[in-house]
Amino acid sequence: MDIHVLHQQGQSIRRIAKTLGVSRNTVRVYLRNKDRLPVYPERQSRPSKLDPYYDYL
C-alpha cells in the first residue's frame, strides 16, 4: 500500500506506520515529500571484529 493513498483514505499517521511496519517519522517524511522519495546516503560496510578468526571458527 502507498502511504499517500492510506492518508487520503483518512488513516492516521500512527495507523499507517503500524500497518506498514515503519516508524511514524518515516511516514511523516514520505507525506512531506509528495513529489519525491527521501534520499538517504548509502551505508558503507565495515569489517567484522571476527574476521581475523573465521579460519579458526
PDB file of N, CA and C in Angstrom:
ATOM      1  N   MET A   1       0.833  -1.186   0.000  1.00  0.00           N
ATOM      2  CA  MET A   1       0.000   0.000   0.000  1.00  0.00           C
ATOM      3  C   MET A   1       0.872   1.242   0.000  1.00  0.00           C
ATOM      4  N   ASP A   2       0.373   2.271  -0.591  1.00  0.00           N
ATOM      5  CA  ASP A   2       1.081   3.542  -0.656  1.00  0.00           C
ATOM      6  C   ASP A   2       0.691   4.405   0.542  1.00  0.00           C
ATOM      7  N   ILE A   3       1.666   5.051   1.129  1.00  0.00           N
ATOM      8  CA  ILE A   3       1.425   5.896   2.294  1.00  0.00           C
ATOM      9  C   ILE A   3       0.454   7.015   1.953  1.00  0.00           C
ATOM     10  N   HIS A   4       0.598   7.600   0.771  1.00  0.00           N
ATOM     11  CA  HIS A   4      -0.270   8.710   0.376  1.00  0.00           C
ATOM     12  C   HIS A   4      -1.717   8.255   0.211  1.00  0.00           C
ATOM     13  N   VAL A   5      -1.915   7.071  -0.316  1.00  0.00           N
ATOM     14  CA  VAL A   5      -3.273   6.545  -0.501  1.00  0.00           C
ATOM     15  C   VAL A   5      -3.932   6.318   0.851  1.00  0.00           C
ATOM     16  N   LEU A   6      -3.195   5.713   1.773  1.00  0.00           N
ATOM     17  CA  LEU A   6      -3.750   5.460   3.104  1.00  0.00           C
ATOM     18  C   LEU A   6      -4.087   6.766   3.814  1.00  0.00           C
ATOM     19  N   HIS A   7      -3.252   7.767   3.651  1.00  0.00           N
ATOM     20  CA  HIS A   7      -3.503   9.057   4.293  1.00  0.00           C
ATOM     21  C   HIS A   7      -4.721   9.740   3.680  1.00  0.00           C
ATOM     22  N   GLN A   8      -4.886   9.626   2.360  1.00  0.00           N
ATOM     23  CA  GLN A   8      -6.055  10.215   1.700  1.00  0.00           C
ATOM     24  C   GLN A   8      -7.338   9.507   2.112  1.00  0.00           C
ATOM     25  N   GLN A   9      -7.228   8.244   2.494  1.00  0.00           N
ATOM     26  CA  GLN A   9      -8.393   7.498   2.964  1.00  0.00           C
ATOM     27  C   GLN A   9      -8.770   7.870   4.392  1.00  0.00           C
ATOM     28  N   GLY A  10      -7.971   8.728   5.012  1.00  0.00           N
ATOM     29  CA  GLY A  10      -8.295   9.215   6.342  1.00  0.00           C
ATOM     30  C   GLY A  10      -7.606   8.493   7.480  1.00  0.00           C
ATOM     31  N   GLN A  11      -6.681   7.609   7.164  1.00  0.00           N
ATOM     32  CA  GLN A  11      -5.987   6.893   8.227  1.00  0.00           C
ATOM     33  C   GLN A  11      -4.960   7.807   8.886  1.00  0.00           C
ATOM     34  N   SER A  12      -4.774   7.615  10.175  1.00  0.00           N
ATOM     35  CA  SER A  12      -3.817   8.434  10.913  1.00  0.00           C
ATOM     36  C   SER A  12      -2.390   7.984  10.629  1.00  0.00           C
ATOM     37  N   ILE A  13      -1.458   8.856  10.955  1.00  0.00           N
ATOM     38  CA  ILE A  13      -0.044   8.536  10.756  1.00  0.00           C
ATOM     39  C   ILE A  13       0.329   7.320  11.589  1.00  0.00           C
ATOM     40  N   ARG A  14      -0.194   7.261  12.804  1.00  0.00           N
ATOM     41  CA  ARG A  14       0.106   6.130  13.687  1.00  0.00           C
ATOM     42  C   ARG A  14      -0.391   4.813  13.092  1.00  0.00           C
ATOM     43  N   ARG A  15      -1.606   4.821  12.560  1.00  0.00           N
ATOM     44  CA  ARG A  15      -2.163   3.595  11.982  1.00  0.00           C
ATOM     45  C   ARG A  15      -1.408   3.183  10.721  1.00  0.00           C
ATOM     46  N   ILE A  16      -1.039   4.154   9.893  1.00  0.00           N
ATOM     47  CA  ILE A  16      -0.271   3.855   8.680  1.00  0.00           C
ATOM     48  C   ILE A  16       1.057   3.219   9.061  1.00  0.00           C
ATOM     49  N   ALA A  17       1.730   3.792  10.058  1.00  0.00           N
ATOM     50  CA  ALA A  17       3.020   3.261  10.496  1.00  0.00           C
ATOM     51  C   ALA A  17       2.872   1.838  11.010  1.00  0.00           C
ATOM     52  N   LYS A  18       1.841   1.585  11.780  1.00  0.00           N
ATOM     53  CA  LYS A  18       1.621   0.241  12.330  1.00  0.00           C
ATOM     54  C   LYS A  18       1.285  -0.753  11.229  1.00  0.00           C
ATOM     55  N   THR A  19       0.471  -0.334  10.269  1.00  0.00           N
ATOM     56  CA  THR A  19       0.081  -1.214   9.163  1.00  0.00           C
ATOM     57  C   THR A  19       1.277  -1.606   8.308  1.00  0.00           C
ATOM     58  N   LEU A  20       2.143  -0.640   8.019  1.00  0.00           N
ATOM     59  CA  LEU A  20       3.273  -0.881   7.124  1.00  0.00           C
ATOM     60  C   LEU A  20       4.530  -1.343   7.849  1.00  0.00           C
ATOM     61  N   GLY A  21       4.530  -1.265   9.172  1.00  0.00           N
ATOM     62  CA  GLY A  21       5.689  -1.709   9.933  1.00  0.00           C
ATOM     63  C   GLY A  21       6.869  -0.760   9.861  1.00  0.00           C
ATOM     64  N   VAL A  22       6.574   0.537   9.792  1.00  0.00           N
ATOM     65  CA  VAL A  22       7.631   1.550   9.770  1.00  0.00           C
ATOM     66  C   VAL A  22       7.368   2.534  10.909  1.00  0.00           C
ATOM     67  N   SER A  23       8.330   3.408  11.169  1.00  0.00           N
ATOM     68  CA  SER A  23       8.151   4.381  12.243  1.00  0.00           C
ATOM     69  C   SER A  23       7.244   5.522  11.781  1.00  0.00           C
ATOM     70  N   ARG A  24       6.679   6.213  12.751  1.00  0.00           N
ATOM     71  CA  ARG A  24       5.822   7.355  12.425  1.00  0.00           C
ATOM     72  C   ARG A  24       6.613   8.451  11.736  1.00  0.00           C
ATOM     73  N   ASN A  25       7.875   8.613  12.130  1.00  0.00           N
ATOM     74  CA  ASN A  25       8.702   9.629  11.476  1.00  0.00           C
ATOM     75  C   ASN A  25       8.912   9.311  10.002  1.00  0.00           C
ATOM     76  N   THR A  26       9.042   8.038   9.666  1.00  0.00           N
ATOM     77  CA  THR A  26       9.186   7.644   8.263  1.00  0.00           C
ATOM     78  C   THR A  26       7.934   8.017   7.482  1.00  0.00           C
ATOM     79  N   VAL A  27       6.778   7.776   8.058  1.00  0.00           N
ATOM     80  CA  VAL A  27       5.518   8.139   7.398  1.00  0.00           C
ATOM     81  C   VAL A  27       5.461   9.646   7.192  1.00  0.00           C
ATOM     82  N   ARG A  28       5.858  10.407   8.195  1.00  0.00           N
ATOM     83  CA  ARG A  28       5.845  11.870   8.069  1.00  0.00           C
ATOM     84  C   ARG A  28       6.766  12.351   6.954  1.00  0.00           C
ATOM     85  N   VAL A  29       7.945  11.747   6.848  1.00  0.00           N
ATOM     86  CA  VAL A  29       8.894  12.137   5.801  1.00  0.00           C
ATOM     87  C   VAL A  29       8.279  11.896   4.428  1.00  0.00           C
ATOM     88  N   TYR A  30       7.648  10.740   4.231  1.00  0.00           N
ATOM     89  CA  TYR A  30       7.039  10.436   2.938  1.00  0.00           C
ATOM     90  C   TYR A  30       5.859  11.359   2.651  1.00  0.00           C
ATOM     91  N   LEU A  31       5.101  11.733   3.667  1.00  0.00           N
ATOM     92  CA  LEU A  31       3.968  12.626   3.437  1.00  0.00           C
ATOM     93  C   LEU A  31       4.427  14.047   3.120  1.00  0.00           C
ATOM     94  N   ARG A  32       5.536  14.478   3.707  1.00  0.00           N
ATOM     95  CA  ARG A  32       6.065  15.816   3.413  1.00  0.00           C
ATOM     96  C   ARG A  32       6.599  15.906   1.994  1.00  0.00           C
ATOM     97  N   ASN A  33       7.191  14.838   1.502  1.00  0.00           N
ATOM     98  CA  ASN A  33       7.804  14.822   0.171  1.00  0.00           C
ATOM     99  C   ASN A  33       6.894  14.092  -0.805  1.00  0.00           C
ATOM    100  N   LYS A  34       5.812  14.731  -1.183  1.00  0.00           N
ATOM    101  CA  LYS A  34       4.835  14.076  -2.053  1.00  0.00           C
ATOM    102  C   LYS A  34       5.383  13.780  -3.440  1.00  0.00           C
ATOM    103  N   ASP A  35       6.222  14.666  -3.957  1.00  0.00           N
ATOM    104  CA  ASP A  35       6.674  14.512  -5.332  1.00  0.00           C
ATOM    105  C   ASP A  35       7.910  13.634  -5.473  1.00  0.00           C
ATOM    106  N   ARG A  36       8.641  13.395  -4.378  1.00  0.00           N
ATOM    107  CA  ARG A  36       9.851  12.575  -4.495  1.00  0.00           C
ATOM    108  C   ARG A  36      10.060  11.775  -3.217  1.00  0.00           C
ATOM    109  N   LEU A  37      10.779  10.695  -3.353  1.00  0.00           N
ATOM    110  CA  LEU A  37      11.093   9.858  -2.204  1.00  0.00           C
ATOM    111  C   LEU A  37      12.298  10.426  -1.471  1.00  0.00           C
ATOM    112  N   PRO A  38      12.387  10.213  -0.173  1.00  0.00           N
ATOM    113  CA  PRO A  38      13.559  10.708   0.548  1.00  0.00           C
ATOM    114  C   PRO A  38      14.824   9.997   0.095  1.00  0.00           C
ATOM    115  N   VAL A  39      15.914  10.731   0.097  1.00  0.00           N
ATOM    116  CA  VAL A  39      17.192  10.176  -0.345  1.00  0.00           C
ATOM    117  C   VAL A  39      18.094  10.029   0.874  1.00  0.00           C
ATOM    118  N   TYR A  40      18.563   8.819   1.077  1.00  0.00           N
ATOM    119  CA  TYR A  40      19.458   8.545   2.186  1.00  0.00           C
ATOM    120  C   TYR A  40      20.801   8.113   1.632  1.00  0.00           C
ATOM    121  N   PRO A  41      21.890   8.490   2.290  1.00  0.00           N
ATOM    122  CA  PRO A  41      23.207   8.058   1.804  1.00  0.00           C
ATOM    123  C   PRO A  41      23.362   6.547   1.955  1.00  0.00           C
ATOM    124  N   GLU A  42      24.108   5.968   1.031  1.00  0.00           N
ATOM    125  CA  GLU A  42      24.323   4.526   1.066  1.00  0.00           C
ATOM    126  C   GLU A  42      25.233   4.179   2.237  1.00  0.00           C
ATOM    127  N   ARG A  43      24.854   3.161   2.965  1.00  0.00           N
ATOM    128  CA  ARG A  43      25.656   2.746   4.112  1.00  0.00           C
ATOM    129  C   ARG A  43      26.865   1.960   3.649  1.00  0.00           C
ATOM    130  N   GLN A  44      27.974   2.238   4.287  1.00  0.00           N
ATOM    131  CA  GLN A  44      29.194   1.518   3.955  1.00  0.00           C
ATOM    132  C   GLN A  44      29.381   0.383   4.954  1.00  0.00           C
ATOM    133  N   SER A  45      29.784  -0.756   4.435  1.00  0.00           N
ATOM    134  CA  SER A  45      30.005  -1.886   5.323  1.00  0.00           C
ATOM    135  C   SER A  45      31.375  -1.758   5.969  1.00  0.00           C
ATOM    136  N   ARG A  46      31.503  -2.334   7.131  1.00  0.00           N
ATOM    137  CA  ARG A  46      32.786  -2.318   7.816  1.00  0.00           C
ATOM    138  C   ARG A  46      33.150  -3.748   8.174  1.00  0.00           C
ATOM    139  N   PRO A  47      34.414  -4.019   8.350  1.00  0.00           N
ATOM    140  CA  PRO A  47      34.821  -5.391   8.652  1.00  0.00           C
ATOM    141  C   PRO A  47      34.340  -5.812  10.037  1.00  0.00           C
ATOM    142  N   SER A  48      34.071  -7.080  10.166  1.00  0.00           N
ATOM    143  CA  SER A  48      33.642  -7.636  11.439  1.00  0.00           C
ATOM    144  C   SER A  48      34.844  -7.815  12.355  1.00  0.00           C
ATOM    145  N   LYS A  49      34.610  -7.738  13.643  1.00  0.00           N
ATOM    146  CA  LYS A  49      35.685  -7.988  14.601  1.00  0.00           C
ATOM    147  C   LYS A  49      36.104  -9.455  14.585  1.00  0.00           C
ATOM    148  N   LEU A  50      35.244 -10.306  14.047  1.00  0.00           N
ATOM    149  CA  LEU A  50      35.558 -11.733  13.992  1.00  0.00           C
ATOM    150  C   LEU A  50      36.300 -12.133  12.726  1.00  0.00           C
ATOM    151  N   ASP A  51      36.446 -11.236  11.773  1.00  0.00           N
ATOM    152  CA  ASP A  51      37.114 -11.569  10.510  1.00  0.00           C
ATOM    153  C   ASP A  51      38.465 -12.255  10.692  1.00  0.00           C
ATOM    154  N   PRO A  52      39.332 -11.800  11.577  1.00  0.00           N
ATOM    155  CA  PRO A  52      40.632 -12.477  11.710  1.00  0.00           C
ATOM    156  C   PRO A  52      40.520 -13.906  12.241  1.00  0.00           C
ATOM    157  N   TYR A  53      39.396 -14.263  12.822  1.00  0.00           N
ATOM    158  CA  TYR A  53      39.254 -15.563  13.476  1.00  0.00           C
ATOM    159  C   TYR A  53      38.379 -16.551  12.706  1.00  0.00           C
ATOM    160  N   TYR A  54      37.887 -16.177  11.518  1.00  0.00           N
ATOM    161  CA  TYR A  54      36.989 -17.059  10.775  1.00  0.00           C
ATOM    162  C   TYR A  54      37.632 -18.395  10.425  1.00  0.00           C
ATOM    163  N   ASP A  55      38.904 -18.408  10.112  1.00  0.00           N
ATOM    164  CA  ASP A  55      39.565 -19.680   9.806  1.00  0.00           C
ATOM    165  C   ASP A  55      39.558 -20.599  11.019  1.00  0.00           C
ATOM    166  N   TYR A  56      39.724 -20.036  12.183  1.00  0.00           N
ATOM    167  CA  TYR A  56      39.743 -20.820  13.414  1.00  0.00           C
ATOM    168  C   TYR A  56      38.349 -21.308  13.785  1.00  0.00           C
ATOM    169  N   LEU A  57      37.366 -20.447  13.584  1.00  0.00           N
ATOM    170  CA  LEU A  57      35.998 -20.794  13.958  1.00  0.00           C
ATOM    171  C   LEU A  57      35.442 -21.796  12.976  1.00  0.00           C
TER     172      LEU A  57
END
